[in-house]
Amino acid sequence: MGNSVGKYFEMRNNKDSKVTINDSYDMPNTEQNPIDVFEDEYPDLSEEFKAIQQEMYETFARKHLDYGLNNIALGGDILNNEEDKRFSLTGLCIRMTDKISRLRNLIVHGKNYVKNESMEDTFIDISNYGIIGLIVNRGKWKRG
């Protein structure tokens, strides 16, 4: 995990933490949570992002119930070792590459030959595969 992302989660887990914001509007530094500042400055963008996250989560839940853990965990319910994890992540990369190729064709050619799978569906699938990759990489792809 990159230093900035790790630092963000470290600060987020520490409820007493405040982040110093220095924005480009020549405003003085203030101690504010970046999420609060973002939501205040960009309420419509913030709400749309949250709505998309909910849509992504619903899609993830539906597909997970259809496929189960073994779709990602090599036919089992857990990834037992680093070799299994690497193999699972490789599979996710291949799936993402397939989705990106599909997205490229949708954008470049403007044709959709797969019924009921739009550009938005493809973006959601790519995003969810990224999140699944993070879950696998963090060792959390398991029942319970």
N, C-alpha and C. Protein backbone atom coordinates (compact mmCIF):
# COMPACT_ATOMS: atom_id res chain seq x y z
N MET A 1 0.85 -1.17 0.00
CA MET A 1 0.00 0.00 0.00
C MET A 1 0.89 1.23 0.00
N GLY A 2 0.54 2.22 -0.81
CA GLY A 2 1.33 3.44 -0.89
C GLY A 2 1.30 4.21 0.42
N ASN A 3 2.32 5.03 0.64
CA ASN A 3 2.40 5.77 1.89
C ASN A 3 1.20 6.67 2.13
N SER A 4 0.73 7.36 1.09
CA SER A 4 -0.40 8.28 1.29
C SER A 4 -1.67 7.52 1.62
N VAL A 5 -1.90 6.38 0.99
CA VAL A 5 -3.09 5.61 1.28
C VAL A 5 -3.00 5.02 2.68
N GLY A 6 -1.85 4.48 3.02
CA GLY A 6 -1.65 3.93 4.36
C GLY A 6 -1.83 5.00 5.42
N LYS A 7 -1.29 6.17 5.17
CA LYS A 7 -1.42 7.28 6.12
C LYS A 7 -2.89 7.69 6.28
N TYR A 8 -3.63 7.71 5.17
CA TYR A 8 -5.04 8.07 5.22
C TYR A 8 -5.79 7.11 6.15
N PHE A 9 -5.58 5.79 5.96
CA PHE A 9 -6.29 4.83 6.79
C PHE A 9 -5.82 4.88 8.24
N GLU A 10 -4.56 5.18 8.43
CA GLU A 10 -4.05 5.34 9.79
C GLU A 10 -4.75 6.52 10.47
N MET A 11 -4.86 7.64 9.75
CA MET A 11 -5.53 8.81 10.32
C MET A 11 -7.02 8.54 10.50
N ARG A 12 -7.62 7.83 9.55
CA ARG A 12 -9.05 7.55 9.62
C ARG A 12 -9.36 6.67 10.82
N ASN A 13 -8.49 5.71 11.12
CA ASN A 13 -8.70 4.83 12.26
C ASN A 13 -8.45 5.53 13.59
N ASN A 14 -7.68 6.62 13.57
CA ASN A 14 -7.41 7.40 14.76
C ASN A 14 -8.44 8.53 14.80
N LYS A 15 -9.48 8.37 15.60
CA LYS A 15 -10.60 9.31 15.61
C LYS A 15 -10.20 10.72 16.07
N ASP A 16 -9.09 10.86 16.76
CA ASP A 16 -8.66 12.18 17.23
C ASP A 16 -7.84 12.92 16.18
N SER A 17 -7.52 12.26 15.08
CA SER A 17 -6.65 12.84 14.08
C SER A 17 -7.36 13.91 13.27
N LYS A 18 -6.65 14.97 12.96
CA LYS A 18 -7.12 16.02 12.05
C LYS A 18 -6.07 16.17 10.97
N VAL A 19 -6.50 16.46 9.76
CA VAL A 19 -5.60 16.61 8.63
C VAL A 19 -5.50 18.08 8.29
N THR A 20 -4.30 18.56 8.03
CA THR A 20 -4.12 19.95 7.63
C THR A 20 -4.36 20.06 6.13
N ILE A 21 -5.27 20.93 5.76
CA ILE A 21 -5.61 21.14 4.36
C ILE A 21 -4.96 22.44 3.90
N ASN A 22 -4.27 22.41 2.77
CA ASN A 22 -3.72 23.61 2.17
C ASN A 22 -4.19 23.63 0.73
N ASP A 23 -5.34 24.29 0.48
CA ASP A 23 -5.89 24.23 -0.87
C ASP A 23 -5.38 25.38 -1.72
N SER A 24 -5.78 25.37 -2.99
CA SER A 24 -5.26 26.34 -3.94
C SER A 24 -6.01 27.66 -3.95
N TYR A 25 -6.90 27.87 -3.01
CA TYR A 25 -7.68 29.10 -2.96
C TYR A 25 -7.06 30.16 -2.06
N ASP A 26 -5.78 29.97 -1.70
CA ASP A 26 -5.06 30.89 -0.83
C ASP A 26 -5.75 31.10 0.51
N MET A 27 -6.43 30.08 0.97
CA MET A 27 -7.05 30.13 2.28
C MET A 27 -6.02 29.68 3.30
N PRO A 28 -6.12 30.17 4.51
CA PRO A 28 -5.17 29.72 5.53
C PRO A 28 -5.38 28.24 5.85
N ASN A 29 -4.30 27.60 6.31
CA ASN A 29 -4.40 26.20 6.72
C ASN A 29 -5.39 26.07 7.86
N THR A 30 -6.25 25.10 7.76
CA THR A 30 -7.19 24.80 8.83
C THR A 30 -7.14 23.32 9.09
N GLU A 31 -7.43 22.93 10.29
CA GLU A 31 -7.45 21.52 10.61
C GLU A 31 -8.86 21.00 10.36
N GLN A 32 -9.02 20.29 9.24
CA GLN A 32 -10.30 19.72 8.86
C GLN A 32 -10.10 18.35 8.27
N ASN A 33 -11.11 17.55 8.38
CA ASN A 33 -11.11 16.25 7.76
C ASN A 33 -11.32 16.44 6.26
N PRO A 34 -10.47 15.83 5.40
CA PRO A 34 -10.60 16.04 3.95
C PRO A 34 -11.95 15.59 3.40
N ILE A 35 -12.56 14.59 4.00
CA ILE A 35 -13.87 14.15 3.54
C ILE A 35 -14.91 15.22 3.81
N ASP A 36 -14.86 15.84 4.98
CA ASP A 36 -15.80 16.92 5.29
C ASP A 36 -15.62 18.09 4.33
N VAL A 37 -14.37 18.44 4.04
CA VAL A 37 -14.09 19.55 3.12
C VAL A 37 -14.62 19.20 1.73
N PHE A 38 -14.32 18.00 1.26
CA PHE A 38 -14.76 17.56 -0.07
C PHE A 38 -16.28 17.59 -0.17
N GLU A 39 -16.97 17.03 0.83
CA GLU A 39 -18.43 16.98 0.80
C GLU A 39 -19.04 18.38 0.85
N ASP A 40 -18.38 19.30 1.53
CA ASP A 40 -18.86 20.68 1.60
C ASP A 40 -18.62 21.40 0.27
N GLU A 41 -17.45 21.19 -0.32
CA GLU A 41 -17.08 21.87 -1.57
C GLU A 41 -17.76 21.28 -2.80
N TYR A 42 -18.00 19.97 -2.78
CA TYR A 42 -18.52 19.27 -3.95
C TYR A 42 -19.70 18.36 -3.55
N PRO A 43 -20.79 18.91 -3.08
CA PRO A 43 -21.88 18.05 -2.59
C PRO A 43 -22.48 17.15 -3.67
N ASP A 44 -22.66 17.65 -4.88
CA ASP A 44 -23.26 16.82 -5.93
C ASP A 44 -22.33 15.68 -6.33
N LEU A 45 -21.06 15.99 -6.51
CA LEU A 45 -20.07 14.98 -6.86
C LEU A 45 -19.97 13.93 -5.74
N SER A 46 -19.96 14.40 -4.51
CA SER A 46 -19.89 13.51 -3.36
C SER A 46 -21.07 12.55 -3.32
N GLU A 47 -22.27 13.06 -3.51
CA GLU A 47 -23.46 12.22 -3.48
C GLU A 47 -23.47 11.22 -4.63
N GLU A 48 -23.05 11.65 -5.81
CA GLU A 48 -23.01 10.74 -6.95
C GLU A 48 -22.00 9.62 -6.72
N PHE A 49 -20.83 9.97 -6.16
CA PHE A 49 -19.82 8.97 -5.86
C PHE A 49 -20.38 7.92 -4.90
N LYS A 50 -21.06 8.37 -3.86
CA LYS A 50 -21.64 7.45 -2.87
C LYS A 50 -22.73 6.59 -3.49
N ALA A 51 -23.52 7.16 -4.38
CA ALA A 51 -24.57 6.39 -5.06
C ALA A 51 -23.95 5.30 -5.93
N ILE A 52 -22.88 5.64 -6.62
CA ILE A 52 -22.19 4.65 -7.46
C ILE A 52 -21.58 3.56 -6.59
N GLN A 53 -20.99 3.94 -5.45
CA GLN A 53 -20.44 2.93 -4.55
C GLN A 53 -21.53 1.96 -4.09
N GLN A 54 -22.71 2.46 -3.80
CA GLN A 54 -23.81 1.59 -3.38
C GLN A 54 -24.21 0.65 -4.52
N GLU A 55 -24.27 1.18 -5.72
CA GLU A 55 -24.59 0.36 -6.90
C GLU A 55 -23.52 -0.72 -7.10
N MET A 56 -22.26 -0.35 -6.93
CA MET A 56 -21.17 -1.31 -7.04
C MET A 56 -21.30 -2.41 -5.99
N TYR A 57 -21.63 -2.01 -4.76
CA TYR A 57 -21.75 -2.98 -3.67
C TYR A 57 -22.91 -3.95 -3.92
N GLU A 58 -24.03 -3.41 -4.42
CA GLU A 58 -25.17 -4.27 -4.73
C GLU A 58 -24.81 -5.27 -5.83
N THR A 59 -24.11 -4.81 -6.85
CA THR A 59 -23.66 -5.70 -7.93
C THR A 59 -22.71 -6.76 -7.38
N PHE A 60 -21.75 -6.33 -6.55
CA PHE A 60 -20.81 -7.27 -5.93
C PHE A 60 -21.56 -8.33 -5.13
N ALA A 61 -22.52 -7.91 -4.31
CA ALA A 61 -23.26 -8.84 -3.46
C ALA A 61 -24.05 -9.85 -4.31
N ARG A 62 -24.74 -9.37 -5.34
CA ARG A 62 -25.52 -10.27 -6.20
C ARG A 62 -24.60 -11.28 -6.89
N LYS A 63 -23.51 -10.80 -7.46
CA LYS A 63 -22.60 -11.71 -8.18
C LYS A 63 -21.90 -12.67 -7.22
N HIS A 64 -21.56 -12.18 -6.03
CA HIS A 64 -20.91 -13.05 -5.05
C HIS A 64 -21.85 -14.19 -4.65
N LEU A 65 -23.13 -13.86 -4.47
CA LEU A 65 -24.09 -14.90 -4.12
C LEU A 65 -24.26 -15.90 -5.26
N ASP A 66 -24.13 -15.44 -6.50
CA ASP A 66 -24.20 -16.35 -7.65
C ASP A 66 -22.96 -17.24 -7.74
N TYR A 67 -21.77 -16.64 -7.56
CA TYR A 67 -20.52 -17.36 -7.80
C TYR A 67 -19.91 -17.99 -6.55
N GLY A 68 -20.05 -17.35 -5.41
CA GLY A 68 -19.43 -17.83 -4.18
C GLY A 68 -17.95 -17.51 -4.11
N LEU A 69 -17.33 -17.95 -3.04
CA LEU A 69 -15.90 -17.69 -2.82
C LEU A 69 -15.01 -18.41 -3.81
N ASN A 70 -15.42 -19.59 -4.24
CA ASN A 70 -14.51 -20.41 -5.04
C ASN A 70 -14.24 -19.84 -6.42
N ASN A 71 -15.02 -18.90 -6.88
CA ASN A 71 -14.76 -18.26 -8.16
C ASN A 71 -13.41 -17.54 -8.14
N ILE A 72 -13.06 -16.97 -7.02
CA ILE A 72 -11.81 -16.24 -6.86
C ILE A 72 -10.77 -17.11 -6.15
N ALA A 73 -11.23 -17.98 -5.27
CA ALA A 73 -10.32 -18.77 -4.41
C ALA A 73 -10.01 -20.14 -4.98
N LEU A 74 -9.90 -20.24 -6.30
CA LEU A 74 -9.37 -21.44 -6.94
C LEU A 74 -10.17 -22.70 -6.64
N GLY A 75 -11.48 -22.58 -6.53
CA GLY A 75 -12.33 -23.73 -6.31
C GLY A 75 -12.54 -24.08 -4.85
N GLY A 76 -11.91 -23.36 -3.93
CA GLY A 76 -12.10 -23.61 -2.51
C GLY A 76 -12.79 -22.44 -1.85
N ASP A 77 -12.76 -22.42 -0.54
CA ASP A 77 -13.38 -21.33 0.20
C ASP A 77 -12.38 -20.31 0.73
N ILE A 78 -11.09 -20.65 0.69
CA ILE A 78 -10.07 -19.72 1.18
C ILE A 78 -8.82 -19.81 0.30
N LEU A 79 -8.00 -18.80 0.39
CA LEU A 79 -6.68 -18.82 -0.26
C LEU A 79 -5.68 -19.17 0.84
N ASN A 80 -5.08 -20.36 0.73
CA ASN A 80 -4.29 -20.90 1.83
C ASN A 80 -2.87 -20.37 1.94
N ASN A 81 -2.29 -19.89 0.83
CA ASN A 81 -0.89 -19.50 0.88
C ASN A 81 -0.62 -18.40 -0.15
N GLU A 82 0.60 -17.90 -0.15
CA GLU A 82 0.97 -16.80 -1.05
C GLU A 82 0.89 -17.21 -2.52
N GLU A 83 1.22 -18.46 -2.82
CA GLU A 83 1.14 -18.93 -4.20
C GLU A 83 -0.31 -18.91 -4.70
N ASP A 84 -1.24 -19.37 -3.85
CA ASP A 84 -2.66 -19.32 -4.21
C ASP A 84 -3.12 -17.87 -4.39
N LYS A 85 -2.66 -17.01 -3.52
CA LYS A 85 -3.04 -15.60 -3.61
C LYS A 85 -2.55 -14.99 -4.92
N ARG A 86 -1.29 -15.25 -5.27
CA ARG A 86 -0.73 -14.73 -6.53
C ARG A 86 -1.51 -15.26 -7.73
N PHE A 87 -1.85 -16.53 -7.71
CA PHE A 87 -2.61 -17.13 -8.81
C PHE A 87 -3.99 -16.48 -8.91
N SER A 88 -4.63 -16.25 -7.78
CA SER A 88 -5.93 -15.60 -7.76
C SER A 88 -5.83 -14.17 -8.29
N LEU A 89 -4.81 -13.44 -7.88
CA LEU A 89 -4.61 -12.07 -8.37
C LEU A 89 -4.33 -12.05 -9.86
N THR A 90 -3.61 -13.06 -10.36
CA THR A 90 -3.36 -13.17 -11.79
C THR A 90 -4.68 -13.36 -12.53
N GLY A 91 -5.53 -14.22 -12.01
CA GLY A 91 -6.85 -14.43 -12.61
C GLY A 91 -7.66 -13.14 -12.64
N LEU A 92 -7.59 -12.37 -11.56
CA LEU A 92 -8.30 -11.08 -11.52
C LEU A 92 -7.75 -10.12 -12.57
N CYS A 93 -6.43 -10.13 -12.75
CA CYS A 93 -5.83 -9.27 -13.78
C CYS A 93 -6.33 -9.66 -15.17
N ILE A 94 -6.45 -10.95 -15.42
CA ILE A 94 -6.94 -11.40 -16.71
C ILE A 94 -8.39 -10.96 -16.90
N ARG A 95 -9.21 -11.12 -15.88
CA ARG A 95 -10.61 -10.68 -15.97
C ARG A 95 -10.70 -9.18 -16.22
N MET A 96 -9.87 -8.42 -15.53
CA MET A 96 -9.87 -6.97 -15.72
C MET A 96 -9.43 -6.61 -17.14
N THR A 97 -8.43 -7.32 -17.64
CA THR A 97 -7.97 -7.07 -19.01
C THR A 97 -9.08 -7.35 -20.01
N ASP A 98 -9.82 -8.43 -19.79
CA ASP A 98 -10.97 -8.73 -20.66
C ASP A 98 -11.99 -7.61 -20.62
N LYS A 99 -12.30 -7.12 -19.43
CA LYS A 99 -13.28 -6.04 -19.28
C LYS A 99 -12.78 -4.75 -19.92
N ILE A 100 -11.50 -4.46 -19.77
CA ILE A 100 -10.93 -3.25 -20.36
C ILE A 100 -10.97 -3.35 -21.89
N SER A 101 -10.69 -4.53 -22.42
CA SER A 101 -10.78 -4.72 -23.87
C SER A 101 -12.21 -4.51 -24.35
N ARG A 102 -13.16 -5.03 -23.61
CA ARG A 102 -14.57 -4.83 -23.94
C ARG A 102 -14.93 -3.35 -23.89
N LEU A 103 -14.49 -2.67 -22.85
CA LEU A 103 -14.77 -1.24 -22.70
C LEU A 103 -14.18 -0.45 -23.87
N ARG A 104 -12.97 -0.79 -24.25
CA ARG A 104 -12.32 -0.12 -25.38
C ARG A 104 -13.15 -0.30 -26.65
N ASN A 105 -13.61 -1.52 -26.89
CA ASN A 105 -14.44 -1.77 -28.07
C ASN A 105 -15.75 -0.99 -28.01
N LEU A 106 -16.35 -0.91 -26.83
CA LEU A 106 -17.59 -0.14 -26.68
C LEU A 106 -17.35 1.34 -27.01
N ILE A 107 -16.23 1.87 -26.53
CA ILE A 107 -15.94 3.29 -26.74
C ILE A 107 -15.53 3.56 -28.19
N VAL A 108 -14.62 2.76 -28.71
CA VAL A 108 -14.08 3.00 -30.05
C VAL A 108 -15.11 2.70 -31.14
N HIS A 109 -15.80 1.58 -31.03
CA HIS A 109 -16.71 1.15 -32.09
C HIS A 109 -18.16 1.51 -31.81
N GLY A 110 -18.47 1.81 -30.56
CA GLY A 110 -19.83 2.21 -30.20
C GLY A 110 -20.86 1.12 -30.38
N LYS A 111 -20.42 -0.11 -30.44
CA LYS A 111 -21.35 -1.22 -30.64
C LYS A 111 -21.34 -2.12 -29.41
N ASN A 112 -22.52 -2.60 -29.08
CA ASN A 112 -22.67 -3.48 -27.92
C ASN A 112 -23.31 -4.78 -28.38
N TYR A 113 -22.51 -5.84 -28.46
CA TYR A 113 -23.01 -7.11 -28.94
C TYR A 113 -23.49 -8.02 -27.80
N VAL A 114 -23.19 -7.66 -26.57
CA VAL A 114 -23.63 -8.44 -25.43
C VAL A 114 -24.89 -7.79 -24.87
N LYS A 115 -25.98 -8.52 -24.90
CA LYS A 115 -27.24 -7.98 -24.40
C LYS A 115 -27.15 -7.70 -22.91
N ASN A 116 -27.74 -6.62 -22.50
CA ASN A 116 -27.85 -6.26 -21.08
C ASN A 116 -26.51 -6.03 -20.39
N GLU A 117 -25.48 -5.67 -21.13
CA GLU A 117 -24.20 -5.32 -20.50
C GLU A 117 -23.70 -4.02 -21.13
N SER A 118 -23.98 -2.93 -20.45
CA SER A 118 -23.66 -1.60 -20.96
C SER A 118 -22.24 -1.19 -20.57
N MET A 119 -21.86 -0.01 -21.03
CA MET A 119 -20.57 0.56 -20.65
C MET A 119 -20.53 0.76 -19.13
N GLU A 120 -21.64 1.21 -18.56
CA GLU A 120 -21.68 1.40 -17.11
C GLU A 120 -21.48 0.08 -16.37
N ASP A 121 -22.12 -0.99 -16.85
CA ASP A 121 -21.91 -2.31 -16.24
C ASP A 121 -20.45 -2.70 -16.28
N THR A 122 -19.80 -2.42 -17.40
CA THR A 122 -18.39 -2.77 -17.57
C THR A 122 -17.51 -1.97 -16.61
N PHE A 123 -17.78 -0.67 -16.46
CA PHE A 123 -17.04 0.14 -15.49
C PHE A 123 -17.22 -0.41 -14.07
N ILE A 124 -18.44 -0.78 -13.73
CA ILE A 124 -18.70 -1.32 -12.38
C ILE A 124 -17.94 -2.63 -12.19
N ASP A 125 -17.96 -3.50 -13.20
CA ASP A 125 -17.23 -4.77 -13.08
C ASP A 125 -15.73 -4.53 -12.89
N ILE A 126 -15.16 -3.62 -13.66
CA ILE A 126 -13.73 -3.31 -13.52
C ILE A 126 -13.43 -2.79 -12.12
N SER A 127 -14.26 -1.89 -11.64
CA SER A 127 -14.06 -1.33 -10.30
C SER A 127 -14.17 -2.42 -9.24
N ASN A 128 -15.17 -3.27 -9.37
CA ASN A 128 -15.35 -4.34 -8.38
C ASN A 128 -14.20 -5.33 -8.42
N TYR A 129 -13.68 -5.64 -9.60
CA TYR A 129 -12.52 -6.52 -9.66
C TYR A 129 -11.33 -5.89 -8.93
N GLY A 130 -11.18 -4.57 -9.04
CA GLY A 130 -10.12 -3.88 -8.31
C GLY A 130 -10.28 -4.03 -6.80
N ILE A 131 -11.51 -3.88 -6.33
CA ILE A 131 -11.77 -4.03 -4.89
C ILE A 131 -11.56 -5.47 -4.46
N ILE A 132 -12.02 -6.42 -5.27
CA ILE A 132 -11.79 -7.83 -4.95
C ILE A 132 -10.29 -8.10 -4.87
N GLY A 133 -9.51 -7.52 -5.77
CA GLY A 133 -8.06 -7.66 -5.72
C GLY A 133 -7.48 -7.16 -4.41
N LEU A 134 -7.98 -6.03 -3.94
CA LEU A 134 -7.53 -5.50 -2.64
C LEU A 134 -7.90 -6.45 -1.50
N ILE A 135 -9.11 -6.99 -1.55
CA ILE A 135 -9.55 -7.93 -0.51
C ILE A 135 -8.67 -9.17 -0.51
N VAL A 136 -8.41 -9.71 -1.69
CA VAL A 136 -7.54 -10.90 -1.80
C VAL A 136 -6.15 -10.57 -1.31
N ASN A 137 -5.59 -9.46 -1.76
CA ASN A 137 -4.23 -9.09 -1.38
C ASN A 137 -4.08 -8.87 0.12
N ARG A 138 -5.15 -8.42 0.75
CA ARG A 138 -5.12 -8.19 2.21
C ARG A 138 -5.44 -9.46 3.01
N GLY A 139 -5.64 -10.57 2.31
CA GLY A 139 -5.90 -11.85 2.99
C GLY A 139 -7.27 -11.96 3.59
N LYS A 140 -8.25 -11.23 3.07
CA LYS A 140 -9.58 -11.22 3.66
C LYS A 140 -10.62 -11.97 2.82
N TRP A 141 -10.20 -12.62 1.73
CA TRP A 141 -11.16 -13.34 0.89
C TRP A 141 -11.43 -14.69 1.51
N LYS A 142 -12.43 -14.73 2.37
CA LYS A 142 -12.77 -15.96 3.08
C LYS A 142 -14.16 -15.82 3.67
N ARG A 143 -14.71 -16.93 4.06
CA ARG A 143 -16.02 -16.95 4.70
C ARG A 143 -15.86 -16.46 6.14
N GLY A 144 -16.84 -15.69 6.59
CA GLY A 144 -16.85 -15.26 7.99
C GLY A 144 -16.35 -13.89 8.23
